[in-house]
Amino acid sequence: MKSRVNVLGVMVNAIDMRDAVNAVHKWIQDQESNYICVTSAHGILECQEDPRLKSILNSSGLTTPDGMSIVWILQIRGNRHVKRVYGPDLMKTICEESLISGWTHFLYGGGPGVAELLSEKLHYQYPGIKIVGMYTPPFRELTLDEDQYVIEKIFDAKPNIIWVGLSTPKQERWMASHISKFPGIVMIGVGAAFDFISGTKRQAPQWIQRSGTEWLFRLISEPQRLWRRYLQYPRFVLMVIMQLSGIKRYDSG
C-alpha cells in the first residue's frame, strides 16, 4: 500500500480511488478484517482534541483523502498522483465492482428510513447488487444487549463489507471497537454518503466538489448543524501552514 503522509499528526494514505478498491479486494480475498476511514479537515481537527480518535485513524487499514484540502496538502508534499477518495464515490465504485466480484454488503447507519431508501437506490443503480442486511442505530449509545443484537445480526448476514454511515467521529469509534467482532469483514466509514446517495440530502455539483468549496455548499444547505464545524476551518489552514513551513511539528503517536 502507498505510503502515509503526516497531516497534523494524522497519517493519511497517498492514494487514489483505484488504490483504495485494490486494497479492499486484497483484504476480502485474504479474509483479512480491516477498516477504512475517509477523512477531511473536519476529521483531522477532531483528532487534535481527541488522541484516541487520532490513534483510530492511524491504525486503520486506510485513511483516505476525503476532502480536496487534504488532496492538495498531499500533492504539495510531493505526491502528485493523489486523487480524492471521497466517501460517496468510494461507495459507488465498490458497489459497481461488487457486481463482478460478488461482494455482499451490510448497511449500518443513517437516520430513520435512510438505510432502506439507500438500499432501494443501490439496487436501482447496480442491478444484482447483494445487500444482505441493514440496521439503523438510535442516536444514543447502544445498550450492551442492543450492541450484541447488532453483532449477531451482522455475523449471521455474513457480508464482505459493512458500510458505516454515522458521521465522524462516531463511525470511526464504532469500527475500531468492532473490528475484532467480524473476522474477514471490511468496514468502511462513509458518513454522509448514506444521505447523498439515498437522495435525502443534496450533494454539491461536481464543479463545486473539485473547487474545494463543498464545505460552503454544505454550510448553506445545513447552517444550524454545520456552522460550528466550519468555523474551525481557518484554524486548520493556519495549522497546516505552520506544519508545511516547519514552524511546528505534529506527532502521529
C-alpha atoms as a PDB file:
ATOM      1  CA  MET A   1       0.000   0.000   0.000  1.00  0.00           C
ATOM      2  CA  LYS A   2       1.135   3.525  -0.762  1.00  0.00           C
ATOM      3  CA  SER A   3       2.900   5.478   1.960  1.00  0.00           C
ATOM      4  CA  ARG A   4       1.188   7.604   4.581  1.00  0.00           C
ATOM      5  CA  VAL A   5       1.757  11.320   4.971  1.00  0.00           C
ATOM      6  CA  ASN A   6       1.588  13.173   8.280  1.00  0.00           C
ATOM      7  CA  VAL A   7      -1.175  15.806   8.146  1.00  0.00           C
ATOM      8  CA  LEU A   8      -1.284  17.456  11.582  1.00  0.00           C
ATOM      9  CA  GLY A   9      -0.403  14.109  13.150  1.00  0.00           C
ATOM     10  CA  VAL A  10      -2.919  12.068  11.156  1.00  0.00           C
ATOM     11  CA  MET A  11      -1.281   9.600   8.775  1.00  0.00           C
ATOM     12  CA  VAL A  12      -3.236   9.874   5.521  1.00  0.00           C
ATOM     13  CA  ASN A  13      -2.610   7.411   2.695  1.00  0.00           C
ATOM     14  CA  ALA A  14      -1.249   8.943  -0.506  1.00  0.00           C
ATOM     15  CA  ILE A  15      -3.639   7.081  -2.820  1.00  0.00           C
ATOM     16  CA  ASP A  16      -6.287   7.381  -5.491  1.00  0.00           C
ATOM     17  CA  MET A  17      -9.613   5.566  -5.910  1.00  0.00           C
ATOM     18  CA  ARG A  18      -8.136   2.544  -7.675  1.00  0.00           C
ATOM     19  CA  ASP A  19      -5.622   2.039  -4.852  1.00  0.00           C
ATOM     20  CA  ALA A  20      -8.481   2.005  -2.336  1.00  0.00           C
ATOM     21  CA  VAL A  21     -10.507  -0.521  -4.333  1.00  0.00           C
ATOM     22  CA  ASN A  22      -7.454  -2.729  -4.797  1.00  0.00           C
ATOM     23  CA  ALA A  23      -6.877  -2.715  -1.036  1.00  0.00           C
ATOM     24  CA  VAL A  24     -10.470  -3.804  -0.378  1.00  0.00           C
ATOM     25  CA  HIS A  25     -10.128  -6.543  -2.987  1.00  0.00           C
ATOM     26  CA  LYS A  26      -6.953  -7.864  -1.352  1.00  0.00           C
ATOM     27  CA  TRP A  27      -8.415  -7.826   2.171  1.00  0.00           C
ATOM     28  CA  ILE A  28     -11.544  -9.698   1.109  1.00  0.00           C
ATOM     29  CA  GLN A  29      -9.526 -12.195  -0.918  1.00  0.00           C
ATOM     30  CA  ASP A  30      -7.203 -12.809   2.056  1.00  0.00           C
ATOM     31  CA  GLN A  31     -10.158 -12.798   4.521  1.00  0.00           C
ATOM     32  CA  GLU A  32      -8.464 -10.002   6.452  1.00  0.00           C
ATOM     33  CA  SER A  33     -10.515  -7.821   8.807  1.00  0.00           C
ATOM     34  CA  ASN A  34      -9.859  -4.120   8.280  1.00  0.00           C
ATOM     35  CA  TYR A  35     -11.486  -0.707   8.277  1.00  0.00           C
ATOM     36  CA  ILE A  36     -11.248   2.416   6.148  1.00  0.00           C
ATOM     37  CA  CYS A  37     -11.571   5.967   7.445  1.00  0.00           C
ATOM     38  CA  VAL A  38     -12.342   8.684   4.909  1.00  0.00           C
ATOM     39  CA  THR A  39     -11.087  11.925   6.393  1.00  0.00           C
ATOM     40  CA  SER A  40     -11.460  15.607   5.684  1.00  0.00           C
ATOM     41  CA  ALA A  41     -10.252  18.712   7.504  1.00  0.00           C
ATOM     42  CA  HIS A  42     -13.082  18.161   9.984  1.00  0.00           C
ATOM     43  CA  GLY A  43     -11.817  14.712  10.963  1.00  0.00           C
ATOM     44  CA  ILE A  44      -8.233  15.912  11.295  1.00  0.00           C
ATOM     45  CA  LEU A  45      -9.314  18.806  13.520  1.00  0.00           C
ATOM     46  CA  GLU A  46     -11.299  16.384  15.687  1.00  0.00           C
ATOM     47  CA  CYS A  47      -8.089  14.416  16.175  1.00  0.00           C
ATOM     48  CA  GLN A  48      -6.330  17.471  17.631  1.00  0.00           C
ATOM     49  CA  GLU A  49      -8.651  17.316  20.652  1.00  0.00           C
ATOM     50  CA  ASP A  50      -9.048  13.535  20.778  1.00  0.00           C
ATOM     51  CA  PRO A  51      -5.834  11.438  20.866  1.00  0.00           C
ATOM     52  CA  ARG A  52      -7.892   8.231  20.854  1.00  0.00           C
ATOM     53  CA  LEU A  53      -9.532   9.242  17.570  1.00  0.00           C
ATOM     54  CA  LYS A  54      -6.119  10.026  16.077  1.00  0.00           C
ATOM     55  CA  SER A  55      -4.946   6.571  17.103  1.00  0.00           C
ATOM     56  CA  ILE A  56      -8.001   5.014  15.432  1.00  0.00           C
ATOM     57  CA  LEU A  57      -7.300   6.798  12.139  1.00  0.00           C
ATOM     58  CA  ASN A  58      -3.614   5.960  12.308  1.00  0.00           C
ATOM     59  CA  SER A  59      -4.382   2.280  12.988  1.00  0.00           C
ATOM     60  CA  SER A  60      -6.784   1.930  10.061  1.00  0.00           C
ATOM     61  CA  GLY A  61      -6.201  -0.208   7.007  1.00  0.00           C
ATOM     62  CA  LEU A  62      -6.575   3.012   5.026  1.00  0.00           C
ATOM     63  CA  THR A  63      -7.174   6.629   5.929  1.00  0.00           C
ATOM     64  CA  THR A  64      -8.154   8.268   2.666  1.00  0.00           C
ATOM     65  CA  PRO A  65      -8.048  11.915   1.497  1.00  0.00           C
ATOM     66  CA  ASP A  66     -11.785  12.619   1.531  1.00  0.00           C
ATOM     67  CA  GLY A  67     -11.541  16.412   1.202  1.00  0.00           C
ATOM     68  CA  MET A  68      -9.857  18.430  -1.533  1.00  0.00           C
ATOM     69  CA  SER A  69      -7.810  20.332   1.050  1.00  0.00           C
ATOM     70  CA  ILE A  70      -6.238  17.024   2.118  1.00  0.00           C
ATOM     71  CA  VAL A  71      -5.564  16.104  -1.514  1.00  0.00           C
ATOM     72  CA  TRP A  72      -3.783  19.425  -2.082  1.00  0.00           C
ATOM     73  CA  ILE A  73      -1.669  19.002   1.058  1.00  0.00           C
ATOM     74  CA  LEU A  74      -0.556  15.533  -0.065  1.00  0.00           C
ATOM     75  CA  GLN A  75       0.247  16.852  -3.533  1.00  0.00           C
ATOM     76  CA  ILE A  76       2.248  19.758  -2.106  1.00  0.00           C
ATOM     77  CA  ARG A  77       4.202  17.181  -0.123  1.00  0.00           C
ATOM     78  CA  GLY A  78       5.294  15.563  -3.408  1.00  0.00           C
ATOM     79  CA  ASN A  79       2.523  13.025  -4.018  1.00  0.00           C
ATOM     80  CA  ARG A  80       1.285  14.331  -7.355  1.00  0.00           C
ATOM     81  CA  HIS A  81      -0.599  11.121  -8.156  1.00  0.00           C
ATOM     82  CA  VAL A  82      -3.035  11.527  -5.249  1.00  0.00           C
ATOM     83  CA  LYS A  83      -6.718  11.921  -6.069  1.00  0.00           C
ATOM     84  CA  ARG A  84      -9.700  12.443  -3.841  1.00  0.00           C
ATOM     85  CA  VAL A  85     -11.118   9.246  -2.311  1.00  0.00           C
ATOM     86  CA  TYR A  86     -14.489  10.701  -1.364  1.00  0.00           C
ATOM     87  CA  GLY A  87     -16.921   8.625   0.703  1.00  0.00           C
ATOM     88  CA  PRO A  88     -19.912   8.660  -1.695  1.00  0.00           C
ATOM     89  CA  ASP A  89     -17.674   7.994  -4.719  1.00  0.00           C
ATOM     90  CA  LEU A  90     -15.871   5.186  -2.897  1.00  0.00           C
ATOM     91  CA  MET A  91     -19.203   3.579  -2.052  1.00  0.00           C
ATOM     92  CA  LYS A  92     -20.425   3.799  -5.641  1.00  0.00           C
ATOM     93  CA  THR A  93     -17.152   2.484  -7.071  1.00  0.00           C
ATOM     94  CA  ILE A  94     -17.029  -0.519  -4.746  1.00  0.00           C
ATOM     95  CA  CYS A  95     -20.721  -1.281  -5.278  1.00  0.00           C
ATOM     96  CA  GLU A  96     -20.090  -1.338  -9.024  1.00  0.00           C
ATOM     97  CA  GLU A  97     -17.003  -3.503  -8.516  1.00  0.00           C
ATOM     98  CA  SER A  98     -19.061  -5.928  -6.424  1.00  0.00           C
ATOM     99  CA  LEU A  99     -21.252  -6.767  -9.419  1.00  0.00           C
ATOM    100  CA  ILE A 100     -18.197  -8.541 -10.838  1.00  0.00           C
ATOM    101  CA  SER A 101     -16.592  -9.743  -7.603  1.00  0.00           C
ATOM    102  CA  GLY A 102     -19.832 -10.880  -5.924  1.00  0.00           C
ATOM    103  CA  TRP A 103     -19.094  -8.975  -2.709  1.00  0.00           C
ATOM    104  CA  THR A 104     -22.016  -8.671  -0.305  1.00  0.00           C
ATOM    105  CA  HIS A 105     -22.945  -5.574   1.683  1.00  0.00           C
ATOM    106  CA  PHE A 106     -24.448  -4.605   5.039  1.00  0.00           C
ATOM    107  CA  LEU A 107     -25.711  -1.052   5.675  1.00  0.00           C
ATOM    108  CA  TYR A 108     -25.202   0.249   9.216  1.00  0.00           C
ATOM    109  CA  GLY A 109     -26.242   3.801   9.993  1.00  0.00           C
ATOM    110  CA  GLY A 110     -28.308   6.669   8.631  1.00  0.00           C
ATOM    111  CA  GLY A 111     -31.418   8.239  10.084  1.00  0.00           C
ATOM    112  CA  PRO A 112     -34.828   6.540  10.250  1.00  0.00           C
ATOM    113  CA  GLY A 113     -35.675   5.048   6.864  1.00  0.00           C
ATOM    114  CA  VAL A 114     -32.435   6.149   5.204  1.00  0.00           C
ATOM    115  CA  ALA A 115     -30.825   2.691   5.004  1.00  0.00           C
ATOM    116  CA  GLU A 116     -33.961   1.289   3.368  1.00  0.00           C
ATOM    117  CA  LEU A 117     -34.037   4.116   0.829  1.00  0.00           C
ATOM    118  CA  LEU A 118     -30.314   3.738   0.214  1.00  0.00           C
ATOM    119  CA  SER A 119     -30.812   0.018  -0.438  1.00  0.00           C
ATOM    120  CA  GLU A 120     -33.503   0.813  -2.993  1.00  0.00           C
ATOM    121  CA  LYS A 121     -31.264   3.330  -4.774  1.00  0.00           C
ATOM    122  CA  LEU A 122     -28.300   0.943  -4.846  1.00  0.00           C
ATOM    123  CA  HIS A 123     -30.449  -1.880  -6.231  1.00  0.00           C
ATOM    124  CA  TYR A 124     -31.700   0.507  -8.918  1.00  0.00           C
ATOM    125  CA  GLN A 125     -28.244   1.833  -9.835  1.00  0.00           C
ATOM    126  CA  TYR A 126     -26.467  -1.534  -9.577  1.00  0.00           C
ATOM    127  CA  PRO A 127     -28.922  -4.290 -10.558  1.00  0.00           C
ATOM    128  CA  GLY A 128     -27.865  -7.560  -8.981  1.00  0.00           C
ATOM    129  CA  ILE A 129     -26.057  -5.988  -6.034  1.00  0.00           C
ATOM    130  CA  LYS A 130     -26.227  -8.179  -2.925  1.00  0.00           C
ATOM    131  CA  ILE A 131     -27.294  -6.241   0.171  1.00  0.00           C
ATOM    132  CA  VAL A 132     -27.650  -8.867   2.871  1.00  0.00           C
ATOM    133  CA  GLY A 133     -28.823  -6.692   5.756  1.00  0.00           C
ATOM    134  CA  MET A 134     -29.173  -3.261   7.310  1.00  0.00           C
ATOM    135  CA  TYR A 135     -29.575  -1.663  10.712  1.00  0.00           C
ATOM    136  CA  THR A 136     -30.339   1.892  11.776  1.00  0.00           C
ATOM    137  CA  PRO A 137     -29.000   2.517  15.292  1.00  0.00           C
ATOM    138  CA  PRO A 138     -30.573   5.099  17.598  1.00  0.00           C
ATOM    139  CA  PHE A 139     -28.737   8.409  18.029  1.00  0.00           C
ATOM    140  CA  ARG A 140     -27.959   7.494  21.620  1.00  0.00           C
ATOM    141  CA  GLU A 141     -25.332   4.974  22.706  1.00  0.00           C
ATOM    142  CA  LEU A 142     -26.449   1.363  22.246  1.00  0.00           C
ATOM    143  CA  THR A 143     -27.011  -0.770  25.310  1.00  0.00           C
ATOM    144  CA  LEU A 144     -24.931  -3.924  25.672  1.00  0.00           C
ATOM    145  CA  ASP A 145     -27.932  -6.032  24.638  1.00  0.00           C
ATOM    146  CA  GLU A 146     -28.602  -3.853  21.589  1.00  0.00           C
ATOM    147  CA  ASP A 147     -24.963  -3.988  20.564  1.00  0.00           C
ATOM    148  CA  GLN A 148     -24.896  -7.756  20.913  1.00  0.00           C
ATOM    149  CA  TYR A 149     -28.043  -7.963  18.771  1.00  0.00           C
ATOM    150  CA  VAL A 150     -26.327  -5.926  16.034  1.00  0.00           C
ATOM    151  CA  ILE A 151     -23.195  -8.069  16.198  1.00  0.00           C
ATOM    152  CA  GLU A 152     -25.243 -11.260  15.840  1.00  0.00           C
ATOM    153  CA  LYS A 153     -27.336  -9.746  13.029  1.00  0.00           C
ATOM    154  CA  ILE A 154     -24.237  -8.820  11.036  1.00  0.00           C
ATOM    155  CA  PHE A 155     -22.488 -12.092  11.836  1.00  0.00           C
ATOM    156  CA  ASP A 156     -25.487 -14.096  10.597  1.00  0.00           C
ATOM    157  CA  ALA A 157     -25.717 -11.992   7.403  1.00  0.00           C
ATOM    158  CA  LYS A 158     -22.048 -12.756   6.568  1.00  0.00           C
ATOM    159  CA  PRO A 159     -21.334  -9.629   4.492  1.00  0.00           C
ATOM    160  CA  ASN A 160     -17.987  -8.945   2.892  1.00  0.00           C
ATOM    161  CA  ILE A 161     -18.355  -5.204   3.526  1.00  0.00           C
ATOM    162  CA  ILE A 162     -20.082  -3.203   6.248  1.00  0.00           C
ATOM    163  CA  TRP A 163     -20.883   0.369   5.208  1.00  0.00           C
ATOM    164  CA  VAL A 164     -20.945   2.611   8.287  1.00  0.00           C
ATOM    165  CA  GLY A 165     -22.794   5.906   7.992  1.00  0.00           C
ATOM    166  CA  LEU A 166     -22.690   7.524  11.434  1.00  0.00           C
ATOM    167  CA  SER A 167     -20.592  10.663  10.746  1.00  0.00           C
ATOM    168  CA  THR A 168     -17.211  11.489  12.276  1.00  0.00           C
ATOM    169  CA  PRO A 169     -16.067  10.631  14.946  1.00  0.00           C
ATOM    170  CA  LYS A 170     -18.848   8.212  15.881  1.00  0.00           C
ATOM    171  CA  GLN A 171     -18.342   5.907  12.882  1.00  0.00           C
ATOM    172  CA  GLU A 172     -14.583   5.650  13.390  1.00  0.00           C
ATOM    173  CA  ARG A 173     -15.037   4.739  17.049  1.00  0.00           C
ATOM    174  CA  TRP A 174     -17.636   2.118  16.156  1.00  0.00           C
ATOM    175  CA  MET A 175     -15.421   0.487  13.540  1.00  0.00           C
ATOM    176  CA  ALA A 176     -12.385   0.387  15.826  1.00  0.00           C
ATOM    177  CA  SER A 177     -14.370  -1.115  18.701  1.00  0.00           C
ATOM    178  CA  HIS A 178     -15.978  -3.775  16.484  1.00  0.00           C
ATOM    179  CA  ILE A 179     -13.117  -4.784  14.174  1.00  0.00           C
ATOM    180  CA  SER A 180     -12.401  -7.889  16.266  1.00  0.00           C
ATOM    181  CA  LYS A 181     -16.068  -8.949  16.182  1.00  0.00           C
ATOM    182  CA  PHE A 182     -16.211  -9.583  12.438  1.00  0.00           C
ATOM    183  CA  PRO A 183     -13.445 -11.858  11.114  1.00  0.00           C
ATOM    184  CA  GLY A 184     -12.690 -11.367   7.438  1.00  0.00           C
ATOM    185  CA  ILE A 185     -15.033  -8.391   7.033  1.00  0.00           C
ATOM    186  CA  VAL A 186     -14.082  -4.921   5.735  1.00  0.00           C
ATOM    187  CA  MET A 187     -15.727  -1.901   7.350  1.00  0.00           C
ATOM    188  CA  ILE A 188     -15.859   1.427   5.529  1.00  0.00           C
ATOM    189  CA  GLY A 189     -16.993   4.638   7.253  1.00  0.00           C
ATOM    190  CA  VAL A 190     -18.603   6.875   4.665  1.00  0.00           C
ATOM    191  CA  GLY A 191     -20.562   9.382   6.755  1.00  0.00           C
ATOM    192  CA  ALA A 192     -22.962  11.470   4.691  1.00  0.00           C
ATOM    193  CA  ALA A 193     -22.788   9.065   1.726  1.00  0.00           C
ATOM    194  CA  PHE A 194     -25.924   7.392   3.090  1.00  0.00           C
ATOM    195  CA  ASP A 195     -27.820  10.680   2.795  1.00  0.00           C
ATOM    196  CA  PHE A 196     -26.319  11.776  -0.524  1.00  0.00           C
ATOM    197  CA  ILE A 197     -26.790   8.510  -2.403  1.00  0.00           C
ATOM    198  CA  SER A 198     -30.263   7.916  -0.961  1.00  0.00           C
ATOM    199  CA  GLY A 199     -31.228  11.437  -2.021  1.00  0.00           C
ATOM    200  CA  THR A 200     -32.286  12.582   1.443  1.00  0.00           C
ATOM    201  CA  LYS A 201     -29.728  15.426   1.270  1.00  0.00           C
ATOM    202  CA  ARG A 202     -28.453  17.463  -1.660  1.00  0.00           C
ATOM    203  CA  GLN A 203     -24.939  16.785  -2.841  1.00  0.00           C
ATOM    204  CA  ALA A 204     -22.752  19.553  -4.215  1.00  0.00           C
ATOM    205  CA  PRO A 205     -22.296  19.615  -8.019  1.00  0.00           C
ATOM    206  CA  GLN A 206     -19.061  18.138  -9.323  1.00  0.00           C
ATOM    207  CA  TRP A 207     -17.505  21.527 -10.136  1.00  0.00           C
ATOM    208  CA  ILE A 208     -18.033  22.671  -6.541  1.00  0.00           C
ATOM    209  CA  GLN A 209     -16.535  19.434  -5.228  1.00  0.00           C
ATOM    210  CA  ARG A 210     -13.457  19.854  -7.439  1.00  0.00           C
ATOM    211  CA  SER A 211     -13.029  23.511  -6.429  1.00  0.00           C
ATOM    212  CA  GLY A 212     -12.646  22.655  -2.761  1.00  0.00           C
ATOM    213  CA  THR A 213     -15.687  24.732  -1.746  1.00  0.00           C
ATOM    214  CA  GLU A 214     -18.035  21.849  -0.991  1.00  0.00           C
ATOM    215  CA  TRP A 215     -17.866  22.874   2.672  1.00  0.00           C
ATOM    216  CA  LEU A 216     -19.536  26.191   1.744  1.00  0.00           C
ATOM    217  CA  PHE A 217     -22.284  24.401  -0.185  1.00  0.00           C
ATOM    218  CA  ARG A 218     -22.959  22.159   2.806  1.00  0.00           C
ATOM    219  CA  LEU A 219     -22.873  25.088   5.218  1.00  0.00           C
ATOM    220  CA  ILE A 220     -25.513  26.908   3.166  1.00  0.00           C
ATOM    221  CA  SER A 221     -27.574  23.710   2.999  1.00  0.00           C
ATOM    222  CA  GLU A 222     -27.373  22.934   6.736  1.00  0.00           C
ATOM    223  CA  PRO A 223     -26.260  26.096   8.564  1.00  0.00           C
ATOM    224  CA  GLN A 224     -27.628  25.230  12.009  1.00  0.00           C
ATOM    225  CA  ARG A 225     -25.961  21.819  12.101  1.00  0.00           C
ATOM    226  CA  LEU A 226     -22.630  22.657  10.470  1.00  0.00           C
ATOM    227  CA  TRP A 227     -21.681  26.239  11.347  1.00  0.00           C
ATOM    228  CA  ARG A 228     -19.631  25.218  14.400  1.00  0.00           C
ATOM    229  CA  ARG A 229     -17.715  22.644  12.341  1.00  0.00           C
ATOM    230  CA  TYR A 230     -16.736  25.039   9.577  1.00  0.00           C
ATOM    231  CA  LEU A 231     -15.936  27.870  11.967  1.00  0.00           C
ATOM    232  CA  GLN A 232     -12.803  25.835  12.777  1.00  0.00           C
ATOM    233  CA  TYR A 233     -11.501  25.745   9.204  1.00  0.00           C
ATOM    234  CA  PRO A 234      -9.372  28.947   9.405  1.00  0.00           C
ATOM    235  CA  ARG A 235      -7.616  27.268  12.352  1.00  0.00           C
ATOM    236  CA  PHE A 236      -6.974  24.228  10.146  1.00  0.00           C
ATOM    237  CA  VAL A 237      -5.386  26.393   7.441  1.00  0.00           C
ATOM    238  CA  LEU A 238      -3.130  28.128   9.974  1.00  0.00           C
ATOM    239  CA  MET A 239      -2.021  24.816  11.469  1.00  0.00           C
ATOM    240  CA  VAL A 240      -1.228  23.368   8.040  1.00  0.00           C
ATOM    241  CA  ILE A 241       0.837  26.439   7.137  1.00  0.00           C
ATOM    242  CA  MET A 242       2.770  26.051  10.371  1.00  0.00           C
ATOM    243  CA  GLN A 243       3.422  22.365   9.625  1.00  0.00           C
ATOM    244  CA  LEU A 244       4.430  22.885   5.993  1.00  0.00           C
ATOM    245  CA  SER A 245       6.765  25.746   6.900  1.00  0.00           C
ATOM    246  CA  GLY A 246       8.414  23.706   9.637  1.00  0.00           C
ATOM    247  CA  ILE A 247       7.356  26.068  12.421  1.00  0.00           C
ATOM    248  CA  LYS A 248       5.502  23.294  14.241  1.00  0.00           C
ATOM    249  CA  ARG A 249       5.727  19.526  14.211  1.00  0.00           C
ATOM    250  CA  TYR A 250       2.777  17.233  14.814  1.00  0.00           C
ATOM    251  CA  ASP A 251       3.365  13.844  16.408  1.00  0.00           C
ATOM    252  CA  SER A 252       1.497  10.889  14.899  1.00  0.00           C
ATOM    253  CA  GLY A 253       1.803   8.824  18.073  1.00  0.00           C
END
